[in-house]
N, C-alpha and C. Protein backbone atom coordinates (compact mmCIF):
# COMPACT_ATOMS: atom_id res chain seq x y z
N MET A 1 5.70 38.04 13.95
CA MET A 1 6.69 37.47 13.04
C MET A 1 7.92 36.99 13.82
N LYS A 2 8.37 37.78 14.80
CA LYS A 2 9.53 37.42 15.60
C LYS A 2 9.27 36.15 16.40
N LYS A 3 8.03 36.02 16.94
CA LYS A 3 7.68 34.82 17.70
C LYS A 3 7.71 33.59 16.80
N PHE A 4 7.23 33.77 15.56
CA PHE A 4 7.21 32.67 14.59
C PHE A 4 8.64 32.21 14.26
N ILE A 5 9.52 33.18 14.06
CA ILE A 5 10.91 32.87 13.73
C ILE A 5 11.59 32.14 14.89
N LYS A 6 11.29 32.60 16.14
CA LYS A 6 11.89 31.98 17.31
C LYS A 6 11.46 30.53 17.47
N LYS A 7 10.22 30.20 17.02
CA LYS A 7 9.70 28.85 17.16
C LYS A 7 10.30 27.89 16.13
N ILE A 8 10.88 28.41 15.07
CA ILE A 8 11.47 27.57 14.04
C ILE A 8 12.72 26.88 14.58
N GLU A 9 12.76 25.56 14.48
CA GLU A 9 13.91 24.80 14.94
C GLU A 9 14.95 24.69 13.83
N LEU A 10 16.19 24.81 14.19
CA LEU A 10 17.28 24.83 13.21
C LEU A 10 17.68 23.43 12.76
N LYS A 11 17.57 22.46 13.64
CA LYS A 11 18.08 21.11 13.36
C LYS A 11 17.45 20.48 12.12
N PRO A 12 16.11 20.46 11.97
CA PRO A 12 15.53 19.86 10.76
C PRO A 12 15.89 20.60 9.49
N LEU A 13 16.12 21.90 9.59
CA LEU A 13 16.53 22.67 8.42
C LEU A 13 17.95 22.29 8.00
N LEU A 14 18.81 22.05 9.00
CA LEU A 14 20.18 21.62 8.71
C LEU A 14 20.19 20.22 8.10
N ILE A 15 19.24 19.39 8.53
CA ILE A 15 19.12 18.05 7.95
C ILE A 15 18.83 18.16 6.46
N SER A 16 17.90 19.05 6.10
CA SER A 16 17.54 19.25 4.70
C SER A 16 18.72 19.78 3.90
N VAL A 17 19.44 20.72 4.48
CA VAL A 17 20.64 21.26 3.81
C VAL A 17 21.65 20.15 3.58
N GLY A 18 21.85 19.32 4.59
CA GLY A 18 22.80 18.22 4.48
C GLY A 18 22.42 17.24 3.38
N LEU A 19 21.13 16.95 3.26
CA LEU A 19 20.66 16.03 2.22
C LEU A 19 20.87 16.63 0.83
N VAL A 20 20.59 17.91 0.69
CA VAL A 20 20.78 18.58 -0.60
C VAL A 20 22.25 18.58 -1.00
N VAL A 21 23.13 18.85 -0.03
CA VAL A 21 24.57 18.84 -0.28
C VAL A 21 25.04 17.44 -0.68
N PHE A 22 24.53 16.44 0.04
CA PHE A 22 24.88 15.05 -0.24
C PHE A 22 24.48 14.67 -1.66
N GLN A 23 23.24 14.99 -2.03
CA GLN A 23 22.74 14.69 -3.37
C GLN A 23 23.54 15.43 -4.43
N SER A 24 23.79 16.71 -4.19
CA SER A 24 24.52 17.54 -5.16
C SER A 24 25.94 17.02 -5.38
N ALA A 25 26.58 16.55 -4.31
CA ALA A 25 27.95 16.06 -4.41
C ALA A 25 28.02 14.85 -5.36
N PHE A 26 27.10 13.91 -5.19
CA PHE A 26 27.08 12.73 -6.06
C PHE A 26 26.64 13.10 -7.47
N PHE A 27 25.73 14.08 -7.58
CA PHE A 27 25.25 14.53 -8.89
C PHE A 27 26.40 15.10 -9.72
N PHE A 28 27.19 15.97 -9.11
CA PHE A 28 28.29 16.60 -9.83
C PHE A 28 29.47 15.64 -10.02
N LEU A 29 29.64 14.70 -9.11
CA LEU A 29 30.68 13.69 -9.27
C LEU A 29 30.40 12.83 -10.51
N SER A 30 29.13 12.50 -10.71
CA SER A 30 28.76 11.69 -11.87
C SER A 30 29.04 12.44 -13.17
N LYS A 31 28.90 13.77 -13.13
CA LYS A 31 29.19 14.57 -14.32
C LYS A 31 30.66 14.50 -14.70
N LEU A 32 31.52 14.39 -13.70
CA LEU A 32 32.96 14.33 -13.96
C LEU A 32 33.38 12.98 -14.53
N LEU A 33 32.63 11.94 -14.22
CA LEU A 33 33.02 10.59 -14.59
C LEU A 33 32.36 10.07 -15.87
N GLN A 34 31.29 10.72 -16.31
CA GLN A 34 30.51 10.17 -17.42
C GLN A 34 31.07 10.59 -18.78
N SER A 35 30.63 9.84 -19.80
CA SER A 35 31.01 10.13 -21.19
C SER A 35 29.93 10.99 -21.84
N ASN A 36 29.93 11.04 -23.18
CA ASN A 36 28.93 11.84 -23.89
C ASN A 36 27.51 11.32 -23.62
N PRO A 37 26.59 12.22 -23.31
CA PRO A 37 25.22 11.79 -22.97
C PRO A 37 24.40 11.39 -24.19
N HIS A 38 23.42 10.54 -23.95
CA HIS A 38 22.51 10.09 -25.00
C HIS A 38 21.24 10.96 -24.97
N LEU A 39 20.82 11.43 -26.12
CA LEU A 39 19.59 12.21 -26.23
C LEU A 39 18.40 11.25 -26.14
N ILE A 40 17.52 11.49 -25.17
CA ILE A 40 16.37 10.61 -25.00
C ILE A 40 15.06 11.38 -25.22
N GLY A 41 13.99 10.61 -25.42
CA GLY A 41 12.69 11.20 -25.70
C GLY A 41 12.07 10.50 -26.90
N ASN A 42 10.74 10.55 -27.01
CA ASN A 42 10.06 9.93 -28.13
C ASN A 42 8.99 10.85 -28.68
N TYR A 43 8.17 10.34 -29.58
CA TYR A 43 7.18 11.18 -30.24
C TYR A 43 6.12 11.70 -29.27
N ILE A 44 5.86 10.96 -28.19
CA ILE A 44 4.89 11.43 -27.19
C ILE A 44 5.46 12.65 -26.47
N ASP A 45 6.73 12.59 -26.14
CA ASP A 45 7.39 13.74 -25.49
C ASP A 45 7.37 14.96 -26.40
N ASP A 46 7.51 14.74 -27.70
CA ASP A 46 7.48 15.85 -28.66
C ASP A 46 6.11 16.51 -28.71
N LYS A 47 5.07 15.75 -28.36
CA LYS A 47 3.70 16.28 -28.38
C LYS A 47 3.42 17.16 -27.16
N ILE A 48 4.24 17.01 -26.14
CA ILE A 48 4.07 17.82 -24.92
C ILE A 48 4.78 19.15 -25.13
N HIS A 49 4.01 20.21 -25.29
CA HIS A 49 4.58 21.51 -25.59
C HIS A 49 4.97 22.25 -24.31
N PHE A 50 6.01 23.03 -24.41
CA PHE A 50 6.49 23.82 -23.27
C PHE A 50 5.40 24.76 -22.76
N CYS A 51 5.24 24.80 -21.43
CA CYS A 51 4.27 25.71 -20.80
C CYS A 51 4.94 26.34 -19.59
N ASN A 52 5.21 27.63 -19.66
CA ASN A 52 6.01 28.27 -18.61
C ASN A 52 5.31 28.35 -17.26
N TRP A 53 3.99 28.19 -17.22
CA TRP A 53 3.28 28.23 -15.93
C TRP A 53 3.71 27.08 -15.01
N PHE A 54 4.17 25.99 -15.61
CA PHE A 54 4.56 24.83 -14.82
C PHE A 54 5.89 25.02 -14.10
N ILE A 55 6.57 26.12 -14.39
CA ILE A 55 7.81 26.39 -13.67
C ILE A 55 7.52 26.72 -12.20
N ILE A 56 6.28 27.13 -11.90
CA ILE A 56 5.91 27.46 -10.52
C ILE A 56 5.94 26.22 -9.63
N PRO A 57 5.20 25.14 -9.95
CA PRO A 57 5.32 23.94 -9.10
C PRO A 57 6.71 23.32 -9.16
N TYR A 58 7.36 23.41 -10.31
CA TYR A 58 8.72 22.88 -10.44
C TYR A 58 9.65 23.58 -9.44
N PHE A 59 9.52 24.89 -9.32
CA PHE A 59 10.35 25.66 -8.40
C PHE A 59 9.96 25.41 -6.94
N LEU A 60 8.66 25.24 -6.68
CA LEU A 60 8.19 25.02 -5.31
C LEU A 60 8.71 23.70 -4.73
N TRP A 61 9.13 22.80 -5.60
CA TRP A 61 9.72 21.54 -5.15
C TRP A 61 10.91 21.80 -4.23
N TYR A 62 11.67 22.85 -4.51
CA TYR A 62 12.84 23.16 -3.68
C TYR A 62 12.42 23.56 -2.27
N LEU A 63 11.27 24.18 -2.14
CA LEU A 63 10.75 24.52 -0.81
C LEU A 63 10.27 23.26 -0.08
N MET A 64 9.70 22.33 -0.84
CA MET A 64 9.22 21.08 -0.24
C MET A 64 10.36 20.26 0.33
N LEU A 65 11.55 20.43 -0.20
CA LEU A 65 12.72 19.74 0.35
C LEU A 65 12.97 20.10 1.80
N PHE A 66 12.48 21.26 2.21
CA PHE A 66 12.64 21.72 3.58
C PHE A 66 11.36 21.51 4.40
N ILE A 67 10.21 21.70 3.75
CA ILE A 67 8.93 21.61 4.46
C ILE A 67 8.63 20.18 4.92
N VAL A 68 8.78 19.21 4.02
CA VAL A 68 8.42 17.82 4.34
C VAL A 68 9.28 17.25 5.47
N PRO A 69 10.63 17.34 5.39
CA PRO A 69 11.44 16.83 6.50
C PRO A 69 11.17 17.55 7.82
N TYR A 70 10.89 18.85 7.74
CA TYR A 70 10.61 19.61 8.95
C TYR A 70 9.34 19.07 9.62
N TYR A 71 8.34 18.81 8.82
CA TYR A 71 7.07 18.28 9.34
C TYR A 71 7.30 16.91 9.96
N LEU A 72 8.06 16.05 9.29
CA LEU A 72 8.33 14.71 9.81
C LEU A 72 9.13 14.79 11.11
N TYR A 73 10.04 15.74 11.19
CA TYR A 73 10.83 15.94 12.40
C TYR A 73 9.93 16.24 13.60
N LYS A 74 8.90 17.00 13.35
CA LYS A 74 7.98 17.41 14.43
C LYS A 74 6.94 16.33 14.74
N LYS A 75 6.56 15.54 13.73
CA LYS A 75 5.44 14.62 13.88
C LYS A 75 5.83 13.15 13.99
N ASP A 76 6.83 12.71 13.23
CA ASP A 76 7.14 11.28 13.17
C ASP A 76 8.62 11.07 12.86
N LYS A 77 9.42 10.88 13.90
CA LYS A 77 10.86 10.71 13.73
C LYS A 77 11.20 9.42 12.96
N ASP A 78 10.43 8.36 13.19
CA ASP A 78 10.68 7.11 12.48
C ASP A 78 10.53 7.32 10.97
N ALA A 79 9.50 8.04 10.59
CA ALA A 79 9.27 8.33 9.17
C ALA A 79 10.40 9.20 8.61
N LEU A 80 10.94 10.08 9.45
CA LEU A 80 12.04 10.94 9.03
C LEU A 80 13.29 10.11 8.74
N TYR A 81 13.57 9.11 9.58
CA TYR A 81 14.73 8.25 9.35
C TYR A 81 14.59 7.51 8.02
N LYS A 82 13.39 7.01 7.75
CA LYS A 82 13.15 6.33 6.48
C LYS A 82 13.32 7.28 5.31
N TYR A 83 12.87 8.51 5.51
CA TYR A 83 13.01 9.55 4.47
C TYR A 83 14.48 9.81 4.18
N ILE A 84 15.28 9.99 5.23
CA ILE A 84 16.70 10.30 5.06
C ILE A 84 17.43 9.16 4.37
N LEU A 85 17.19 7.93 4.82
CA LEU A 85 17.85 6.76 4.24
C LEU A 85 17.48 6.60 2.77
N SER A 86 16.20 6.71 2.46
CA SER A 86 15.72 6.56 1.09
C SER A 86 16.30 7.64 0.19
N TYR A 87 16.34 8.85 0.70
CA TYR A 87 16.88 9.99 -0.06
C TYR A 87 18.35 9.76 -0.40
N CYS A 88 19.14 9.34 0.59
CA CYS A 88 20.58 9.15 0.39
C CYS A 88 20.87 7.97 -0.54
N ILE A 89 20.16 6.86 -0.34
CA ILE A 89 20.36 5.70 -1.20
C ILE A 89 20.01 6.03 -2.64
N CYS A 90 18.92 6.76 -2.84
CA CYS A 90 18.50 7.15 -4.17
C CYS A 90 19.54 8.04 -4.84
N ALA A 91 20.11 8.95 -4.09
CA ALA A 91 21.14 9.85 -4.63
C ALA A 91 22.35 9.06 -5.13
N VAL A 92 22.75 8.04 -4.37
CA VAL A 92 23.91 7.23 -4.73
C VAL A 92 23.60 6.35 -5.96
N VAL A 93 22.45 5.67 -5.93
CA VAL A 93 22.07 4.80 -7.04
C VAL A 93 21.89 5.61 -8.32
N ALA A 94 21.24 6.76 -8.21
CA ALA A 94 21.03 7.62 -9.38
C ALA A 94 22.37 8.07 -9.97
N ALA A 95 23.31 8.41 -9.11
CA ALA A 95 24.63 8.85 -9.58
C ALA A 95 25.33 7.74 -10.35
N ILE A 96 25.17 6.50 -9.89
CA ILE A 96 25.76 5.35 -10.59
C ILE A 96 25.13 5.21 -11.98
N ILE A 97 23.81 5.36 -12.04
CA ILE A 97 23.10 5.27 -13.32
C ILE A 97 23.53 6.42 -14.24
N PHE A 98 23.63 7.62 -13.69
CA PHE A 98 24.07 8.77 -14.49
C PHE A 98 25.45 8.54 -15.11
N THR A 99 26.32 7.88 -14.33
CA THR A 99 27.68 7.63 -14.80
C THR A 99 27.72 6.56 -15.89
N ILE A 100 26.97 5.49 -15.67
CA ILE A 100 26.95 4.38 -16.63
C ILE A 100 26.18 4.75 -17.90
N TYR A 101 25.04 5.42 -17.71
CA TYR A 101 24.20 5.78 -18.86
C TYR A 101 23.81 7.25 -18.78
N PRO A 102 24.71 8.15 -19.16
CA PRO A 102 24.41 9.59 -19.12
C PRO A 102 23.37 9.95 -20.19
N THR A 103 22.44 10.79 -19.83
CA THR A 103 21.37 11.17 -20.75
C THR A 103 21.18 12.69 -20.80
N THR A 104 20.56 13.13 -21.88
CA THR A 104 20.24 14.55 -22.02
C THR A 104 18.89 14.69 -22.73
N VAL A 105 18.30 15.86 -22.64
CA VAL A 105 17.02 16.13 -23.30
C VAL A 105 17.12 17.43 -24.08
N ALA A 106 16.23 17.56 -25.07
CA ALA A 106 16.19 18.79 -25.86
C ALA A 106 15.35 19.83 -25.14
N ARG A 107 15.91 21.03 -24.94
CA ARG A 107 15.18 22.10 -24.27
C ARG A 107 14.98 23.26 -25.23
N PRO A 108 13.88 24.00 -25.07
CA PRO A 108 13.61 25.13 -25.97
C PRO A 108 14.48 26.34 -25.64
N THR A 109 14.63 27.23 -26.60
CA THR A 109 15.30 28.51 -26.38
C THR A 109 14.22 29.55 -26.07
N LEU A 110 14.32 30.19 -24.94
CA LEU A 110 13.27 31.10 -24.48
C LEU A 110 13.78 32.54 -24.39
N GLU A 111 12.91 33.46 -24.72
CA GLU A 111 13.22 34.88 -24.54
C GLU A 111 12.78 35.30 -23.15
N ASN A 112 13.55 36.17 -22.53
CA ASN A 112 13.19 36.67 -21.19
C ASN A 112 12.17 37.81 -21.30
N ASN A 113 11.02 37.49 -21.90
CA ASN A 113 10.00 38.52 -22.10
C ASN A 113 8.91 38.49 -21.03
N ASN A 114 9.04 37.60 -20.05
CA ASN A 114 8.12 37.58 -18.91
C ASN A 114 8.82 36.90 -17.74
N ILE A 115 8.26 37.05 -16.56
CA ILE A 115 8.89 36.57 -15.34
C ILE A 115 9.02 35.05 -15.31
N LEU A 116 8.04 34.33 -15.86
CA LEU A 116 8.08 32.88 -15.84
C LEU A 116 9.19 32.34 -16.74
N ASN A 117 9.36 32.96 -17.90
CA ASN A 117 10.46 32.57 -18.78
C ASN A 117 11.81 32.88 -18.15
N PHE A 118 11.86 34.00 -17.44
CA PHE A 118 13.10 34.39 -16.76
C PHE A 118 13.48 33.36 -15.70
N ILE A 119 12.50 32.91 -14.91
CA ILE A 119 12.75 31.90 -13.88
C ILE A 119 13.20 30.59 -14.54
N THR A 120 12.54 30.24 -15.63
CA THR A 120 12.90 29.01 -16.35
C THR A 120 14.31 29.08 -16.89
N ASN A 121 14.64 30.20 -17.50
CA ASN A 121 16.00 30.36 -18.03
C ASN A 121 17.05 30.34 -16.93
N THR A 122 16.69 30.86 -15.77
CA THR A 122 17.61 30.84 -14.63
C THR A 122 17.89 29.41 -14.19
N ILE A 123 16.83 28.59 -14.13
CA ILE A 123 16.99 27.18 -13.77
C ILE A 123 17.77 26.45 -14.85
N TYR A 124 17.48 26.76 -16.12
CA TYR A 124 18.25 26.18 -17.22
C TYR A 124 19.74 26.52 -17.08
N PHE A 125 20.02 27.77 -16.71
CA PHE A 125 21.40 28.24 -16.60
C PHE A 125 22.18 27.44 -15.56
N PHE A 126 21.56 27.22 -14.40
CA PHE A 126 22.24 26.49 -13.33
C PHE A 126 22.24 24.99 -13.57
N ASP A 127 21.45 24.55 -14.53
CA ASP A 127 21.38 23.13 -14.85
C ASP A 127 21.85 22.89 -16.28
N THR A 128 22.94 23.55 -16.65
CA THR A 128 23.52 23.42 -17.99
C THR A 128 24.89 22.78 -17.89
N PRO A 129 25.17 21.77 -18.73
CA PRO A 129 24.29 21.20 -19.75
C PRO A 129 23.18 20.35 -19.15
N ALA A 130 22.14 20.11 -19.93
CA ALA A 130 20.97 19.38 -19.45
C ALA A 130 21.25 17.88 -19.48
N ILE A 131 22.02 17.42 -18.50
CA ILE A 131 22.34 15.99 -18.43
C ILE A 131 21.90 15.42 -17.09
N ASN A 132 22.13 14.10 -16.92
CA ASN A 132 21.68 13.39 -15.71
C ASN A 132 20.17 13.47 -15.57
N CYS A 133 19.48 13.05 -16.62
CA CYS A 133 18.01 13.18 -16.67
C CYS A 133 17.29 11.91 -16.22
N LEU A 134 17.88 10.76 -16.50
CA LEU A 134 17.23 9.48 -16.19
C LEU A 134 18.02 8.75 -15.12
N PRO A 135 17.41 8.51 -13.94
CA PRO A 135 16.04 8.85 -13.54
C PRO A 135 15.93 10.31 -13.07
N SER A 136 14.72 10.83 -13.08
CA SER A 136 14.49 12.19 -12.61
C SER A 136 14.51 12.22 -11.09
N LEU A 137 15.44 12.98 -10.53
CA LEU A 137 15.50 13.11 -9.07
C LEU A 137 14.36 13.98 -8.56
N HIS A 138 13.92 14.93 -9.39
CA HIS A 138 12.75 15.73 -9.04
C HIS A 138 11.56 14.81 -8.78
N CYS A 139 11.37 13.85 -9.68
CA CYS A 139 10.24 12.93 -9.57
C CYS A 139 10.45 11.88 -8.48
N ALA A 140 11.69 11.41 -8.37
CA ALA A 140 12.00 10.41 -7.34
C ALA A 140 11.72 10.95 -5.94
N VAL A 141 12.19 12.15 -5.67
CA VAL A 141 11.98 12.75 -4.35
C VAL A 141 10.51 13.10 -4.15
N SER A 142 9.84 13.51 -5.22
CA SER A 142 8.39 13.78 -5.12
C SER A 142 7.64 12.51 -4.76
N MET A 143 8.07 11.39 -5.34
CA MET A 143 7.46 10.11 -4.98
C MET A 143 7.75 9.77 -3.52
N LEU A 144 8.93 10.12 -3.05
CA LEU A 144 9.27 9.91 -1.63
C LEU A 144 8.34 10.72 -0.74
N PHE A 145 8.04 11.95 -1.12
CA PHE A 145 7.09 12.76 -0.35
C PHE A 145 5.76 12.02 -0.20
N ILE A 146 5.29 11.44 -1.30
CA ILE A 146 4.01 10.74 -1.30
C ILE A 146 4.08 9.48 -0.44
N LEU A 147 5.12 8.68 -0.64
CA LEU A 147 5.25 7.41 0.08
C LEU A 147 5.34 7.60 1.58
N VAL A 148 6.16 8.55 1.99
CA VAL A 148 6.34 8.77 3.43
C VAL A 148 5.08 9.37 4.05
N SER A 149 4.34 10.15 3.28
CA SER A 149 3.10 10.76 3.78
C SER A 149 2.01 9.71 3.99
N PHE A 150 1.94 8.73 3.09
CA PHE A 150 0.88 7.73 3.17
C PHE A 150 1.22 6.56 4.08
N THR A 151 2.48 6.33 4.34
CA THR A 151 2.85 5.20 5.21
C THR A 151 2.98 5.60 6.67
N SER A 152 3.04 6.88 6.94
CA SER A 152 3.11 7.34 8.33
C SER A 152 1.70 7.60 8.88
N LYS A 153 1.38 6.94 9.96
CA LYS A 153 0.06 7.11 10.57
C LYS A 153 -0.06 8.45 11.30
N LYS A 154 1.08 9.08 11.54
CA LYS A 154 1.08 10.34 12.28
C LYS A 154 0.94 11.56 11.36
N VAL A 155 1.03 11.34 10.07
CA VAL A 155 0.85 12.43 9.12
C VAL A 155 -0.65 12.62 8.88
N THR A 156 -1.13 13.82 9.06
CA THR A 156 -2.56 14.09 8.91
C THR A 156 -2.92 14.35 7.44
N ASN A 157 -4.20 14.21 7.14
CA ASN A 157 -4.67 14.46 5.78
C ASN A 157 -4.49 15.92 5.37
N LYS A 158 -4.50 16.81 6.35
CA LYS A 158 -4.29 18.23 6.05
C LYS A 158 -2.91 18.48 5.46
N PHE A 159 -1.99 17.61 5.79
CA PHE A 159 -0.64 17.71 5.21
C PHE A 159 -0.48 16.73 4.05
N ARG A 160 -1.00 15.52 4.22
CA ARG A 160 -0.83 14.46 3.23
C ARG A 160 -1.41 14.82 1.87
N ILE A 161 -2.63 15.33 1.86
CA ILE A 161 -3.32 15.60 0.58
C ILE A 161 -2.63 16.70 -0.23
N PRO A 162 -2.37 17.88 0.36
CA PRO A 162 -1.68 18.92 -0.44
C PRO A 162 -0.28 18.51 -0.88
N VAL A 163 0.44 17.76 -0.04
CA VAL A 163 1.78 17.29 -0.42
C VAL A 163 1.70 16.33 -1.60
N THR A 164 0.71 15.45 -1.57
CA THR A 164 0.52 14.49 -2.67
C THR A 164 0.16 15.20 -3.96
N LEU A 165 -0.77 16.13 -3.87
CA LEU A 165 -1.19 16.87 -5.06
C LEU A 165 -0.03 17.68 -5.64
N MET A 166 0.71 18.33 -4.77
CA MET A 166 1.84 19.13 -5.22
C MET A 166 2.93 18.24 -5.84
N SER A 167 3.15 17.07 -5.25
CA SER A 167 4.16 16.15 -5.76
C SER A 167 3.80 15.66 -7.16
N ILE A 168 2.53 15.34 -7.36
CA ILE A 168 2.06 14.91 -8.69
C ILE A 168 2.21 16.05 -9.68
N LEU A 169 1.89 17.24 -9.24
CA LEU A 169 2.01 18.42 -10.10
C LEU A 169 3.46 18.67 -10.49
N VAL A 170 4.38 18.43 -9.57
CA VAL A 170 5.80 18.58 -9.85
C VAL A 170 6.24 17.60 -10.93
N MET A 171 5.78 16.36 -10.82
CA MET A 171 6.12 15.35 -11.82
C MET A 171 5.65 15.77 -13.21
N ILE A 172 4.44 16.27 -13.28
CA ILE A 172 3.90 16.75 -14.55
C ILE A 172 4.71 17.95 -15.04
N ALA A 173 5.07 18.81 -14.10
CA ALA A 173 5.80 20.04 -14.45
C ALA A 173 7.15 19.73 -15.09
N THR A 174 7.81 18.66 -14.66
CA THR A 174 9.11 18.32 -15.23
C THR A 174 9.02 18.09 -16.74
N LEU A 175 7.85 17.65 -17.18
CA LEU A 175 7.63 17.40 -18.61
C LEU A 175 7.32 18.69 -19.36
N PHE A 176 6.51 19.54 -18.75
CA PHE A 176 6.07 20.76 -19.44
C PHE A 176 7.12 21.87 -19.44
N VAL A 177 8.09 21.79 -18.54
CA VAL A 177 9.18 22.77 -18.59
C VAL A 177 10.39 22.19 -19.32
N LYS A 178 10.21 20.99 -19.86
CA LYS A 178 11.20 20.34 -20.71
C LYS A 178 12.53 20.06 -19.99
N GLN A 179 12.42 19.74 -18.71
CA GLN A 179 13.59 19.31 -17.96
C GLN A 179 13.75 17.79 -18.03
N HIS A 180 12.64 17.11 -18.32
CA HIS A 180 12.65 15.66 -18.38
C HIS A 180 11.67 15.16 -19.44
N VAL A 181 11.80 13.87 -19.74
CA VAL A 181 10.85 13.19 -20.62
C VAL A 181 10.17 12.09 -19.82
N ILE A 182 9.18 11.44 -20.44
CA ILE A 182 8.32 10.51 -19.71
C ILE A 182 9.10 9.37 -19.06
N ILE A 183 10.09 8.82 -19.74
CA ILE A 183 10.85 7.71 -19.20
C ILE A 183 11.63 8.13 -17.95
N ASP A 184 12.01 9.40 -17.87
CA ASP A 184 12.70 9.90 -16.67
C ASP A 184 11.77 9.86 -15.46
N VAL A 185 10.53 10.27 -15.70
CA VAL A 185 9.53 10.30 -14.62
C VAL A 185 9.25 8.88 -14.13
N ILE A 186 9.04 7.96 -15.07
CA ILE A 186 8.72 6.58 -14.72
C ILE A 186 9.86 5.93 -13.94
N THR A 187 11.07 6.06 -14.45
CA THR A 187 12.22 5.43 -13.77
C THR A 187 12.49 6.06 -12.40
N GLY A 188 12.28 7.37 -12.29
CA GLY A 188 12.47 8.03 -11.00
C GLY A 188 11.49 7.52 -9.97
N ASP A 189 10.23 7.39 -10.36
CA ASP A 189 9.19 6.91 -9.44
C ASP A 189 9.42 5.46 -9.04
N ILE A 190 9.76 4.63 -10.02
CA ILE A 190 10.00 3.20 -9.74
C ILE A 190 11.21 3.03 -8.83
N LEU A 191 12.29 3.75 -9.14
CA LEU A 191 13.50 3.64 -8.33
C LEU A 191 13.22 3.98 -6.88
N MET A 192 12.55 5.09 -6.64
CA MET A 192 12.29 5.51 -5.26
C MET A 192 11.34 4.56 -4.55
N THR A 193 10.36 4.02 -5.26
CA THR A 193 9.41 3.08 -4.65
C THR A 193 10.14 1.83 -4.18
N ILE A 194 11.04 1.31 -5.03
CA ILE A 194 11.82 0.12 -4.66
C ILE A 194 12.70 0.41 -3.45
N ILE A 195 13.37 1.54 -3.48
CA ILE A 195 14.27 1.91 -2.37
C ILE A 195 13.49 2.09 -1.07
N TYR A 196 12.35 2.78 -1.15
CA TYR A 196 11.57 3.03 0.07
C TYR A 196 11.02 1.73 0.65
N LEU A 197 10.58 0.82 -0.21
CA LEU A 197 10.08 -0.48 0.27
C LEU A 197 11.20 -1.26 0.94
N PHE A 198 12.40 -1.20 0.35
CA PHE A 198 13.56 -1.87 0.94
C PHE A 198 13.88 -1.30 2.32
N VAL A 199 13.91 0.02 2.41
CA VAL A 199 14.22 0.69 3.68
C VAL A 199 13.14 0.37 4.72
N SER A 200 11.89 0.41 4.32
CA SER A 200 10.78 0.16 5.25
C SER A 200 10.80 -1.26 5.79
N CYS A 201 11.27 -2.20 4.97
CA CYS A 201 11.30 -3.60 5.39
C CYS A 201 12.57 -3.96 6.16
N SER A 202 13.56 -3.08 6.12
CA SER A 202 14.83 -3.34 6.78
C SER A 202 14.90 -2.58 8.11
N LYS A 203 14.36 -3.19 9.16
CA LYS A 203 14.33 -2.55 10.47
C LYS A 203 15.74 -2.36 11.04
N LYS A 204 16.64 -3.31 10.75
CA LYS A 204 18.01 -3.20 11.25
C LYS A 204 18.70 -1.96 10.69
N THR A 205 18.47 -1.72 9.40
CA THR A 205 19.09 -0.55 8.75
C THR A 205 18.56 0.74 9.35
N VAL A 206 17.25 0.77 9.59
CA VAL A 206 16.63 1.97 10.17
C VAL A 206 17.14 2.19 11.59
N ASN A 207 17.27 1.11 12.36
CA ASN A 207 17.76 1.22 13.74
C ASN A 207 19.21 1.71 13.77
N LYS A 208 20.03 1.24 12.82
CA LYS A 208 21.42 1.71 12.73
C LYS A 208 21.46 3.20 12.42
N ALA A 209 20.53 3.63 11.54
CA ALA A 209 20.45 5.04 11.18
C ALA A 209 20.05 5.88 12.40
N LYS A 210 19.17 5.33 13.22
CA LYS A 210 18.75 6.03 14.43
C LYS A 210 19.94 6.27 15.37
N LYS A 211 20.74 5.21 15.55
CA LYS A 211 21.89 5.32 16.44
C LYS A 211 22.94 6.28 15.89
N LEU A 212 23.13 6.22 14.56
CA LEU A 212 24.15 7.05 13.93
C LEU A 212 23.75 8.51 13.90
N LEU A 213 22.51 8.78 13.50
CA LEU A 213 22.05 10.16 13.34
C LEU A 213 21.60 10.77 14.67
N ASN A 214 20.90 9.95 15.48
CA ASN A 214 20.43 10.41 16.79
C ASN A 214 19.71 11.76 16.72
N ILE A 215 18.71 11.81 15.86
CA ILE A 215 17.94 13.05 15.66
C ILE A 215 16.98 13.28 16.82
């Protein structure tokens, strides 16, 4: 165990922490600037019933925020730069959308009668009020995991396939734990796809990021 800990590099972990802080700063800034949120959702969303088992993949997304960049740091630095740029641009664009069009969703009231409900209520507590839903950053970043995994030739299928499956499961989980509705998922995925394509096609931007970050 000690040998394993010694082999862990600190730099990629700090990169992940920095990205989370960056995203959180813009997320909370948008909360200070926005007006009353609009309740979104339709009859299809109402048909999707809460299922507490989906809180497991939803929660594991937070671990993926560290695992995916760490893997890219070790395997493909160019892909990591694209990941960082896409992540940051998405955080800024999403914050602008949150400010202009604040949204909220209806969440169930749960009793803490089992561990899964307790975890869900804990996440609800730290994410109260339930605003800044469209686009879903959970889904946007999950889409980034998929895009960067499939566009990097250095990422192996042993990593690509489980990351893709988990990312899709996270997107589904956002609906079943009632953190988001379908339009949040769609807009999050589309937003990140557009941003990632822009970053991938802009070699000058990526090169500037390389010089600035020097990872």
